[in-house]
Amino acid sequence: MLKVYGSGMCPDCIEFKYNLDRNKIEYENIDITQSLKGLKEFLRLRDKDEAFNAAKEKGYIGIPLLITDDGKLSLDWESYFTERGMYVIHPGETGMACTVDGKGC
């Protein structure tokens, strides 16, 4: 089963989960802003995995994080769908962002 680390306050995470639900894809959701255990798990991954380098350089948190069944980490949630021939829907784009500069999560 897919594992998703994110936050209910993150617009990208909300859109990712919307698309997972819309396509009836099962996943385990870990909200890092609701669980210290989940936050610690996420930070352990973020601190050690090179998949986060670009996000960290830009000052992003690095969510949503998708971990596939084979253990691969990805921050490119839209590609998860497009690589499977599914359309990505962006419901209610608000222009919200998670970073101080307003450009990403």
PDB file of N, CA and C in Angstrom:
ATOM      1  N   MET A   1       0.839  -1.178   0.000  1.00  0.00           N
ATOM      2  CA  MET A   1       0.000   0.000   0.000  1.00  0.00           C
ATOM      3  C   MET A   1       0.888   1.247   0.000  1.00  0.00           C
ATOM      4  N   LEU A   2       0.440   2.268  -0.687  1.00  0.00           N
ATOM      5  CA  LEU A   2       1.161   3.529  -0.714  1.00  0.00           C
ATOM      6  C   LEU A   2       1.139   4.169   0.667  1.00  0.00           C
ATOM      7  N   LYS A   3       2.190   4.929   0.950  1.00  0.00           N
ATOM      8  CA  LYS A   3       2.260   5.685   2.193  1.00  0.00           C
ATOM      9  C   LYS A   3       2.468   7.144   1.800  1.00  0.00           C
ATOM     10  N   VAL A   4       1.669   8.023   2.385  1.00  0.00           N
ATOM     11  CA  VAL A   4       1.735   9.447   2.053  1.00  0.00           C
ATOM     12  C   VAL A   4       1.988  10.245   3.327  1.00  0.00           C
ATOM     13  N   TYR A   5       3.066  11.033   3.318  1.00  0.00           N
ATOM     14  CA  TYR A   5       3.333  11.970   4.402  1.00  0.00           C
ATOM     15  C   TYR A   5       2.942  13.351   3.900  1.00  0.00           C
ATOM     16  N   GLY A   6       2.162  14.068   4.696  1.00  0.00           N
ATOM     17  CA  GLY A   6       1.723  15.393   4.292  1.00  0.00           C
ATOM     18  C   GLY A   6       1.096  16.121   5.458  1.00  0.00           C
ATOM     19  N   SER A   7       0.264  17.109   5.116  1.00  0.00           N
ATOM     20  CA  SER A   7      -0.425  17.902   6.124  1.00  0.00           C
ATOM     21  C   SER A   7      -1.769  18.356   5.573  1.00  0.00           C
ATOM     22  N   GLY A   8      -2.756  18.398   6.442  1.00  0.00           N
ATOM     23  CA  GLY A   8      -4.060  18.915   6.066  1.00  0.00           C
ATOM     24  C   GLY A   8      -4.044  20.406   5.798  1.00  0.00           C
ATOM     25  N   MET A   9      -2.936  21.078   6.120  1.00  0.00           N
ATOM     26  CA  MET A   9      -2.786  22.512   5.856  1.00  0.00           C
ATOM     27  C   MET A   9      -2.081  22.787   4.534  1.00  0.00           C
ATOM     28  N   CYS A  10      -1.583  21.755   3.893  1.00  0.00           N
ATOM     29  CA  CYS A  10      -0.782  21.896   2.670  1.00  0.00           C
ATOM     30  C   CYS A  10      -1.671  21.733   1.434  1.00  0.00           C
ATOM     31  N   PRO A  11      -1.771  22.753   0.592  1.00  0.00           N
ATOM     32  CA  PRO A  11      -2.631  22.651  -0.585  1.00  0.00           C
ATOM     33  C   PRO A  11      -2.210  21.542  -1.549  1.00  0.00           C
ATOM     34  N   ASP A  12      -0.919  21.304  -1.706  1.00  0.00           N
ATOM     35  CA  ASP A  12      -0.460  20.222  -2.582  1.00  0.00           C
ATOM     36  C   ASP A  12      -0.881  18.865  -2.023  1.00  0.00           C
ATOM     37  N   CYS A  13      -0.795  18.710  -0.707  1.00  0.00           N
ATOM     38  CA  CYS A  13      -1.198  17.453  -0.068  1.00  0.00           C
ATOM     39  C   CYS A  13      -2.693  17.217  -0.233  1.00  0.00           C
ATOM     40  N   ILE A  14      -3.472  18.267  -0.087  1.00  0.00           N
ATOM     41  CA  ILE A  14      -4.919  18.163  -0.242  1.00  0.00           C
ATOM     42  C   ILE A  14      -5.260  17.732  -1.656  1.00  0.00           C
ATOM     43  N   GLU A  15      -4.605  18.320  -2.658  1.00  0.00           N
ATOM     44  CA  GLU A  15      -4.860  17.940  -4.051  1.00  0.00           C
ATOM     45  C   GLU A  15      -4.410  16.508  -4.334  1.00  0.00           C
ATOM     46  N   PHE A  16      -3.272  16.121  -3.792  1.00  0.00           N
ATOM     47  CA  PHE A  16      -2.772  14.762  -3.987  1.00  0.00           C
ATOM     48  C   PHE A  16      -3.777  13.755  -3.432  1.00  0.00           C
ATOM     49  N   LYS A  17      -4.209  13.967  -2.182  1.00  0.00           N
ATOM     50  CA  LYS A  17      -5.159  13.051  -1.570  1.00  0.00           C
ATOM     51  C   LYS A  17      -6.490  13.049  -2.325  1.00  0.00           C
ATOM     52  N   TYR A  18      -6.919  14.203  -2.819  1.00  0.00           N
ATOM     53  CA  TYR A  18      -8.148  14.270  -3.613  1.00  0.00           C
ATOM     54  C   TYR A  18      -8.038  13.349  -4.825  1.00  0.00           C
ATOM     55  N   ASN A  19      -6.902  13.415  -5.515  1.00  0.00           N
ATOM     56  CA  ASN A  19      -6.704  12.587  -6.703  1.00  0.00           C
ATOM     57  C   ASN A  19      -6.573  11.108  -6.363  1.00  0.00           C
ATOM     58  N   LEU A  20      -5.946  10.785  -5.242  1.00  0.00           N
ATOM     59  CA  LEU A  20      -5.887   9.388  -4.813  1.00  0.00           C
ATOM     60  C   LEU A  20      -7.300   8.862  -4.541  1.00  0.00           C
ATOM     61  N   ASP A  21      -8.075   9.632  -3.795  1.00  0.00           N
ATOM     62  CA  ASP A  21      -9.435   9.216  -3.458  1.00  0.00           C
ATOM     63  C   ASP A  21     -10.301   9.108  -4.715  1.00  0.00           C
ATOM     64  N   ARG A  22     -10.168  10.081  -5.593  1.00  0.00           N
ATOM     65  CA  ARG A  22     -10.950  10.109  -6.826  1.00  0.00           C
ATOM     66  C   ARG A  22     -10.695   8.871  -7.679  1.00  0.00           C
ATOM     67  N   ASN A  23      -9.450   8.397  -7.662  1.00  0.00           N
ATOM     68  CA  ASN A  23      -9.075   7.221  -8.445  1.00  0.00           C
ATOM     69  C   ASN A  23      -9.158   5.929  -7.642  1.00  0.00           C
ATOM     70  N   LYS A  24      -9.718   6.026  -6.433  1.00  0.00           N
ATOM     71  CA  LYS A  24      -9.923   4.858  -5.556  1.00  0.00           C
ATOM     72  C   LYS A  24      -8.626   4.082  -5.303  1.00  0.00           C
ATOM     73  N   ILE A  25      -7.565   4.839  -5.035  1.00  0.00           N
ATOM     74  CA  ILE A  25      -6.258   4.256  -4.739  1.00  0.00           C
ATOM     75  C   ILE A  25      -6.097   4.217  -3.219  1.00  0.00           C
ATOM     76  N   GLU A  26      -5.836   3.038  -2.692  1.00  0.00           N
ATOM     77  CA  GLU A  26      -5.642   2.896  -1.252  1.00  0.00           C
ATOM     78  C   GLU A  26      -4.282   3.450  -0.843  1.00  0.00           C
ATOM     79  N   TYR A  27      -4.241   4.094   0.318  1.00  0.00           N
ATOM     80  CA  TYR A  27      -2.990   4.650   0.822  1.00  0.00           C
ATOM     81  C   TYR A  27      -3.100   4.847   2.327  1.00  0.00           C
ATOM     82  N   GLU A  28      -1.936   4.848   2.949  1.00  0.00           N
ATOM     83  CA  GLU A  28      -1.855   5.190   4.369  1.00  0.00           C
ATOM     84  C   GLU A  28      -1.458   6.655   4.448  1.00  0.00           C
ATOM     85  N   ASN A  29      -2.247   7.447   5.136  1.00  0.00           N
ATOM     86  CA  ASN A  29      -1.982   8.877   5.249  1.00  0.00           C
ATOM     87  C   ASN A  29      -1.374   9.197   6.609  1.00  0.00           C
ATOM     88  N   ILE A  30      -0.220   9.860   6.604  1.00  0.00           N
ATOM     89  CA  ILE A  30       0.407  10.310   7.837  1.00  0.00           C
ATOM     90  C   ILE A  30       0.466  11.822   7.794  1.00  0.00           C
ATOM     91  N   ASP A  31      -0.332  12.468   8.636  1.00  0.00           N
ATOM     92  CA  ASP A  31      -0.360  13.927   8.705  1.00  0.00           C
ATOM     93  C   ASP A  31       0.717  14.360   9.700  1.00  0.00           C
ATOM     94  N   ILE A  32       1.785  14.942   9.199  1.00  0.00           N
ATOM     95  CA  ILE A  32       2.924  15.288  10.052  1.00  0.00           C
ATOM     96  C   ILE A  32       2.624  16.447  10.999  1.00  0.00           C
ATOM     97  N   THR A  33       1.509  17.145  10.778  1.00  0.00           N
ATOM     98  CA  THR A  33       1.133  18.228  11.684  1.00  0.00           C
ATOM     99  C   THR A  33       0.147  17.755  12.753  1.00  0.00           C
ATOM    100  N   GLN A  34      -0.228  16.490  12.701  1.00  0.00           N
ATOM    101  CA  GLN A  34      -1.163  15.931  13.679  1.00  0.00           C
ATOM    102  C   GLN A  34      -0.535  14.825  14.527  1.00  0.00           C
ATOM    103  N   SER A  35       0.680  14.403  14.177  1.00  0.00           N
ATOM    104  CA  SER A  35       1.290  13.269  14.864  1.00  0.00           C
ATOM    105  C   SER A  35       2.788  13.493  15.027  1.00  0.00           C
ATOM    106  N   LEU A  36       3.250  13.537  16.258  1.00  0.00           N
ATOM    107  CA  LEU A  36       4.693  13.672  16.492  1.00  0.00           C
ATOM    108  C   LEU A  36       5.445  12.459  15.971  1.00  0.00           C
ATOM    109  N   LYS A  37       4.856  11.276  16.123  1.00  0.00           N
ATOM    110  CA  LYS A  37       5.480  10.070  15.592  1.00  0.00           C
ATOM    111  C   LYS A  37       5.629  10.192  14.075  1.00  0.00           C
ATOM    112  N   GLY A  38       4.572  10.625  13.403  1.00  0.00           N
ATOM    113  CA  GLY A  38       4.628  10.811  11.956  1.00  0.00           C
ATOM    114  C   GLY A  38       5.634  11.863  11.550  1.00  0.00           C
ATOM    115  N   LEU A  39       5.700  12.950  12.306  1.00  0.00           N
ATOM    116  CA  LEU A  39       6.674  14.005  12.017  1.00  0.00           C
ATOM    117  C   LEU A  39       8.097  13.485  12.162  1.00  0.00           C
ATOM    118  N   LYS A  40       8.356  12.715  13.217  1.00  0.00           N
ATOM    119  CA  LYS A  40       9.696  12.157  13.423  1.00  0.00           C
ATOM    120  C   LYS A  40      10.069  11.186  12.308  1.00  0.00           C
ATOM    121  N   GLU A  41       9.115  10.347  11.892  1.00  0.00           N
ATOM    122  CA  GLU A  41       9.377   9.435  10.770  1.00  0.00           C
ATOM    123  C   GLU A  41       9.732  10.228   9.515  1.00  0.00           C
ATOM    124  N   PHE A  42       8.937  11.271   9.235  1.00  0.00           N
ATOM    125  CA  PHE A  42       9.165  12.088   8.048  1.00  0.00           C
ATOM    126  C   PHE A  42      10.539  12.774   8.112  1.00  0.00           C
ATOM    127  N   LEU A  43      10.860  13.375   9.244  1.00  0.00           N
ATOM    128  CA  LEU A  43      12.146  14.076   9.369  1.00  0.00           C
ATOM    129  C   LEU A  43      13.323  13.125   9.220  1.00  0.00           C
ATOM    130  N   ARG A  44      13.191  11.912   9.725  1.00  0.00           N
ATOM    131  CA  ARG A  44      14.252  10.913   9.559  1.00  0.00           C
ATOM    132  C   ARG A  44      14.485  10.653   8.071  1.00  0.00           C
ATOM    133  N   LEU A  45      13.409  10.508   7.310  1.00  0.00           N
ATOM    134  CA  LEU A  45      13.533  10.306   5.858  1.00  0.00           C
ATOM    135  C   LEU A  45      14.110  11.545   5.187  1.00  0.00           C
ATOM    136  N   ARG A  46      13.592  12.712   5.541  1.00  0.00           N
ATOM    137  CA  ARG A  46      14.005  13.972   4.914  1.00  0.00           C
ATOM    138  C   ARG A  46      15.486  14.269   5.170  1.00  0.00           C
ATOM    139  N   ASP A  47      15.952  13.953   6.357  1.00  0.00           N
ATOM    140  CA  ASP A  47      17.339  14.239   6.708  1.00  0.00           C
ATOM    141  C   ASP A  47      18.334  13.345   5.986  1.00  0.00           C
ATOM    142  N   LYS A  48      17.895  12.148   5.553  1.00  0.00           N
ATOM    143  CA  LYS A  48      18.838  11.170   5.015  1.00  0.00           C
ATOM    144  C   LYS A  48      18.718  10.905   3.525  1.00  0.00           C
ATOM    145  N   ASP A  49      17.585  11.183   2.907  1.00  0.00           N
ATOM    146  CA  ASP A  49      17.372  10.772   1.522  1.00  0.00           C
ATOM    147  C   ASP A  49      17.646  11.914   0.545  1.00  0.00           C
ATOM    148  N   GLU A  50      18.386  11.603  -0.505  1.00  0.00           N
ATOM    149  CA  GLU A  50      18.743  12.600  -1.518  1.00  0.00           C
ATOM    150  C   GLU A  50      17.538  13.111  -2.298  1.00  0.00           C
ATOM    151  N   ALA A  51      16.423  12.400  -2.251  1.00  0.00           N
ATOM    152  CA  ALA A  51      15.217  12.835  -2.963  1.00  0.00           C
ATOM    153  C   ALA A  51      14.744  14.204  -2.484  1.00  0.00           C
ATOM    154  N   PHE A  52      15.173  14.606  -1.287  1.00  0.00           N
ATOM    155  CA  PHE A  52      14.753  15.877  -0.713  1.00  0.00           C
ATOM    156  C   PHE A  52      15.714  17.029  -0.986  1.00  0.00           C
ATOM    157  N   ASN A  53      16.855  16.764  -1.596  1.00  0.00           N
ATOM    158  CA  ASN A  53      17.867  17.808  -1.759  1.00  0.00           C
ATOM    159  C   ASN A  53      17.330  19.059  -2.447  1.00  0.00           C
ATOM    160  N   ALA A  54      16.635  18.890  -3.568  1.00  0.00           N
ATOM    161  CA  ALA A  54      16.123  20.053  -4.304  1.00  0.00           C
ATOM    162  C   ALA A  54      15.088  20.806  -3.474  1.00  0.00           C
ATOM    163  N   ALA A  55      14.227  20.086  -2.791  1.00  0.00           N
ATOM    164  CA  ALA A  55      13.208  20.730  -1.962  1.00  0.00           C
ATOM    165  C   ALA A  55      13.869  21.532  -0.835  1.00  0.00           C
ATOM    166  N   LYS A  56      14.858  20.947  -0.194  1.00  0.00           N
ATOM    167  CA  LYS A  56      15.532  21.638   0.906  1.00  0.00           C
ATOM    168  C   LYS A  56      16.267  22.875   0.405  1.00  0.00           C
ATOM    169  N   GLU A  57      16.893  22.784  -0.771  1.00  0.00           N
ATOM    170  CA  GLU A  57      17.601  23.940  -1.326  1.00  0.00           C
ATOM    171  C   GLU A  57      16.654  25.105  -1.594  1.00  0.00           C
ATOM    172  N   LYS A  58      15.414  24.794  -1.943  1.00  0.00           N
ATOM    173  CA  LYS A  58      14.418  25.832  -2.232  1.00  0.00           C
ATOM    174  C   LYS A  58      13.683  26.296  -0.981  1.00  0.00           C
ATOM    175  N   GLY A  59      13.967  25.670   0.163  1.00  0.00           N
ATOM    176  CA  GLY A  59      13.299  26.039   1.401  1.00  0.00           C
ATOM    177  C   GLY A  59      11.933  25.397   1.574  1.00  0.00           C
ATOM    178  N   TYR A  60      11.639  24.350   0.802  1.00  0.00           N
ATOM    179  CA  TYR A  60      10.369  23.646   0.898  1.00  0.00           C
ATOM    180  C   TYR A  60      10.426  22.602   2.014  1.00  0.00           C
ATOM    181  N   ILE A  61       9.287  22.219   2.506  1.00  0.00           N
ATOM    182  CA  ILE A  61       9.204  21.175   3.521  1.00  0.00           C
ATOM    183  C   ILE A  61       9.532  19.815   2.907  1.00  0.00           C
ATOM    184  N   GLY A  62       8.975  19.574   1.712  1.00  0.00           N
ATOM    185  CA  GLY A  62       9.172  18.282   1.055  1.00  0.00           C
ATOM    186  C   GLY A  62       7.943  17.399   1.163  1.00  0.00           C
ATOM    187  N   ILE A  63       6.769  18.039   1.188  1.00  0.00           N
ATOM    188  CA  ILE A  63       5.506  17.304   1.212  1.00  0.00           C
ATOM    189  C   ILE A  63       4.656  17.759   0.053  1.00  0.00           C
ATOM    190  N   PRO A  64       3.790  16.928  -0.420  1.00  0.00           N
ATOM    191  CA  PRO A  64       3.547  15.563  -0.006  1.00  0.00           C
ATOM    192  C   PRO A  64       4.678  14.625  -0.429  1.00  0.00           C
ATOM    193  N   LEU A  65       4.947  13.664   0.413  1.00  0.00           N
ATOM    194  CA  LEU A  65       5.919  12.615   0.133  1.00  0.00           C
ATOM    195  C   LEU A  65       5.162  11.326  -0.105  1.00  0.00           C
ATOM    196  N   LEU A  66       5.455  10.678  -1.201  1.00  0.00           N
ATOM    197  CA  LEU A  66       4.843   9.400  -1.547  1.00  0.00           C
ATOM    198  C   LEU A  66       5.906   8.322  -1.436  1.00  0.00           C
ATOM    199  N   ILE A  67       5.582   7.254  -0.732  1.00  0.00           N
ATOM    200  CA  ILE A  67       6.442   6.079  -0.685  1.00  0.00           C
ATOM    201  C   ILE A  67       5.667   4.941  -1.332  1.00  0.00           C
ATOM    202  N   THR A  68       6.211   4.417  -2.408  1.00  0.00           N
ATOM    203  CA  THR A  68       5.531   3.361  -3.156  1.00  0.00           C
ATOM    204  C   THR A  68       5.720   2.014  -2.460  1.00  0.00           C
ATOM    205  N   ASP A  69       5.012   1.013  -2.964  1.00  0.00           N
ATOM    206  CA  ASP A  69       5.078  -0.329  -2.380  1.00  0.00           C
ATOM    207  C   ASP A  69       6.495  -0.891  -2.377  1.00  0.00           C
ATOM    208  N   ASP A  70       7.306  -0.472  -3.348  1.00  0.00           N
ATOM    209  CA  ASP A  70       8.678  -0.976  -3.423  1.00  0.00           C
ATOM    210  C   ASP A  70       9.668  -0.112  -2.630  1.00  0.00           C
ATOM    211  N   GLY A  71       9.161   0.864  -1.865  1.00  0.00           N
ATOM    212  CA  GLY A  71      10.011   1.678  -1.003  1.00  0.00           C
ATOM    213  C   GLY A  71      10.596   2.912  -1.655  1.00  0.00           C
ATOM    214  N   LYS A  72      10.230   3.201  -2.895  1.00  0.00           N
ATOM    215  CA  LYS A  72      10.747   4.379  -3.593  1.00  0.00           C
ATOM    216  C   LYS A  72      10.061   5.640  -3.066  1.00  0.00           C
ATOM    217  N   LEU A  73      10.881   6.672  -2.807  1.00  0.00           N
ATOM    218  CA  LEU A  73      10.370   7.952  -2.332  1.00  0.00           C
ATOM    219  C   LEU A  73      10.211   8.901  -3.510  1.00  0.00           C
ATOM    220  N   SER A  74       9.107   9.647  -3.524  1.00  0.00           N
ATOM    221  CA  SER A  74       8.878  10.618  -4.585  1.00  0.00           C
ATOM    222  C   SER A  74       8.157  11.836  -4.037  1.00  0.00           C
ATOM    223  N   LEU A  75       8.600  12.997  -4.491  1.00  0.00           N
ATOM    224  CA  LEU A  75       7.930  14.252  -4.167  1.00  0.00           C
ATOM    225  C   LEU A  75       7.097  14.740  -5.346  1.00  0.00           C
ATOM    226  N   ASP A  76       7.166  14.037  -6.459  1.00  0.00           N
ATOM    227  CA  ASP A  76       6.454  14.423  -7.675  1.00  0.00           C
ATOM    228  C   ASP A  76       5.126  13.672  -7.747  1.00  0.00           C
ATOM    229  N   TRP A  77       4.168  14.137  -6.970  1.00  0.00           N
ATOM    230  CA  TRP A  77       2.900  13.426  -6.859  1.00  0.00           C
ATOM    231  C   TRP A  77       2.125  13.388  -8.168  1.00  0.00           C
ATOM    232  N   GLU A  78       2.224  14.429  -8.964  1.00  0.00           N
ATOM    233  CA  GLU A  78       1.480  14.452 -10.222  1.00  0.00           C
ATOM    234  C   GLU A  78       1.954  13.358 -11.175  1.00  0.00           C
ATOM    235  N   SER A  79       3.251  13.091 -11.194  1.00  0.00           N
ATOM    236  CA  SER A  79       3.790  12.045 -12.072  1.00  0.00           C
ATOM    237  C   SER A  79       3.262  10.666 -11.700  1.00  0.00           C
ATOM    238  N   TYR A  80       2.952  10.469 -10.427  1.00  0.00           N
ATOM    239  CA  TYR A  80       2.386   9.180 -10.018  1.00  0.00           C
ATOM    240  C   TYR A  80       1.145   8.877 -10.857  1.00  0.00           C
ATOM    241  N   PHE A  81       0.335   9.876 -11.096  1.00  0.00           N
ATOM    242  CA  PHE A  81      -0.896   9.692 -11.865  1.00  0.00           C
ATOM    243  C   PHE A  81      -0.642   9.676 -13.370  1.00  0.00           C
ATOM    244  N   THR A  82       0.128  10.633 -13.858  1.00  0.00           N
ATOM    245  CA  THR A  82       0.325  10.730 -15.304  1.00  0.00           C
ATOM    246  C   THR A  82       1.059   9.512 -15.850  1.00  0.00           C
ATOM    247  N   GLU A  83       1.978   8.937 -15.084  1.00  0.00           N
ATOM    248  CA  GLU A  83       2.686   7.727 -15.522  1.00  0.00           C
ATOM    249  C   GLU A  83       1.746   6.524 -15.624  1.00  0.00           C
ATOM    250  N   ARG A  84       0.597   6.623 -14.995  1.00  0.00           N
ATOM    251  CA  ARG A  84      -0.394   5.543 -15.028  1.00  0.00           C
ATOM    252  C   ARG A  84      -1.578   5.881 -15.936  1.00  0.00           C
ATOM    253  N   GLY A  85      -1.423   6.956 -16.716  1.00  0.00           N
ATOM    254  CA  GLY A  85      -2.467   7.348 -17.659  1.00  0.00           C
ATOM    255  C   GLY A  85      -3.681   7.988 -17.012  1.00  0.00           C
ATOM    256  N   MET A  86      -3.516   8.517 -15.800  1.00  0.00           N
ATOM    257  CA  MET A  86      -4.630   9.163 -15.098  1.00  0.00           C
ATOM    258  C   MET A  86      -4.475  10.673 -15.190  1.00  0.00           C
ATOM    259  N   TYR A  87      -5.597  11.356 -15.275  1.00  0.00           N
ATOM    260  CA  TYR A  87      -5.587  12.811 -15.302  1.00  0.00           C
ATOM    261  C   TYR A  87      -5.492  13.351 -13.883  1.00  0.00           C
ATOM    262  N   VAL A  88      -4.751  14.446 -13.741  1.00  0.00           N
ATOM    263  CA  VAL A  88      -4.631  15.117 -12.455  1.00  0.00           C
ATOM    264  C   VAL A  88      -5.634  16.265 -12.434  1.00  0.00           C
ATOM    265  N   ILE A  89      -6.413  16.320 -11.388  1.00  0.00           N
ATOM    266  CA  ILE A  89      -7.379  17.399 -11.225  1.00  0.00           C
ATOM    267  C   ILE A  89      -6.911  18.285 -10.077  1.00  0.00           C
ATOM    268  N   HIS A  90      -7.006  19.585 -10.286  1.00  0.00           N
ATOM    269  CA  HIS A  90      -6.630  20.573  -9.271  1.00  0.00           C
ATOM    270  C   HIS A  90      -7.897  21.289  -8.809  1.00  0.00           C
ATOM    271  N   PRO A  91      -8.605  20.706  -7.840  1.00  0.00           N
ATOM    272  CA  PRO A  91      -9.851  21.329  -7.395  1.00  0.00           C
ATOM    273  C   PRO A  91      -9.593  22.587  -6.586  1.00  0.00           C
ATOM    274  N   GLY A  92     -10.277  23.636  -6.921  1.00  0.00           N
ATOM    275  CA  GLY A  92     -10.233  24.859  -6.109  1.00  0.00           C
ATOM    276  C   GLY A  92      -8.857  25.420  -5.890  1.00  0.00           C
ATOM    277  N   GLU A  93      -8.057  25.573  -6.947  1.00  0.00           N
ATOM    278  CA  GLU A  93      -6.721  26.141  -6.779  1.00  0.00           C
ATOM    279  C   GLU A  93      -6.845  27.476  -6.045  1.00  0.00           C
ATOM    280  N   THR A  94      -6.144  27.584  -4.928  1.00  0.00           N
ATOM    281  CA  THR A  94      -6.283  28.754  -4.068  1.00  0.00           C
ATOM    282  C   THR A  94      -5.078  29.674  -4.108  1.00  0.00           C
ATOM    283  N   GLY A  95      -3.975  29.215  -4.672  1.00  0.00           N
ATOM    284  CA  GLY A  95      -2.762  30.018  -4.651  1.00  0.00           C
ATOM    285  C   GLY A  95      -2.044  29.927  -3.316  1.00  0.00           C
ATOM    286  N   MET A  96      -2.532  29.082  -2.414  1.00  0.00           N
ATOM    287  CA  MET A  96      -1.894  28.903  -1.110  1.00  0.00           C
ATOM    288  C   MET A  96      -0.583  28.136  -1.277  1.00  0.00           C
ATOM    289  N   ALA A  97       0.320  28.314  -0.348  1.00  0.00           N
ATOM    290  CA  ALA A  97       1.582  27.591  -0.349  1.00  0.00           C
ATOM    291  C   ALA A  97       2.041  27.398   1.078  1.00  0.00           C
ATOM    292  N   CYS A  98       2.995  26.492   1.265  1.00  0.00           N
ATOM    293  CA  CYS A  98       3.495  26.160   2.596  1.00  0.00           C
ATOM    294  C   CYS A  98       4.745  26.948   2.984  1.00  0.00           C
ATOM    295  N   THR A  99       5.398  27.564   2.025  1.00  0.00           N
ATOM    296  CA  THR A  99       6.659  28.236   2.330  1.00  0.00           C
ATOM    297  C   THR A  99       6.459  29.713   2.577  1.00  0.00           C
ATOM    298  N   VAL A 100       7.447  30.321   3.199  1.00  0.00           N
ATOM    299  CA  VAL A 100       7.395  31.732   3.509  1.00  0.00           C
ATOM    300  C   VAL A 100       7.292  32.563   2.230  1.00  0.00           C
ATOM    301  N   ASP A 101       7.976  32.118   1.170  1.00  0.00           N
ATOM    302  CA  ASP A 101       7.941  32.877  -0.087  1.00  0.00           C
ATOM    303  C   ASP A 101       6.678  32.619  -0.905  1.00  0.00           C
ATOM    304  N   GLY A 102       5.809  31.711  -0.446  1.00  0.00           N
ATOM    305  CA  GLY A 102       4.547  31.439  -1.118  1.00  0.00           C
ATOM    306  C   GLY A 102       4.659  30.658  -2.403  1.00  0.00           C
ATOM    307  N   LYS A 103       5.763  29.917  -2.605  1.00  0.00           N
ATOM    308  CA  LYS A 103       5.984  29.247  -3.873  1.00  0.00           C
ATOM    309  C   LYS A 103       5.893  27.731  -3.824  1.00  0.00           C
ATOM    310  N   GLY A 104       5.772  27.117  -2.696  1.00  0.00           N
ATOM    311  CA  GLY A 104       5.727  25.657  -2.677  1.00  0.00           C
ATOM    312  C   GLY A 104       5.554  25.072  -1.299  1.00  0.00           C
ATOM    313  N   CYS A 105       5.605  23.748  -1.244  1.00  0.00           N
ATOM    314  CA  CYS A 105       5.460  23.029   0.033  1.00  0.00           C
ATOM    315  C   CYS A 105       6.682  22.188   0.278  1.00  0.00           C
TER     316      CYS A 105
END
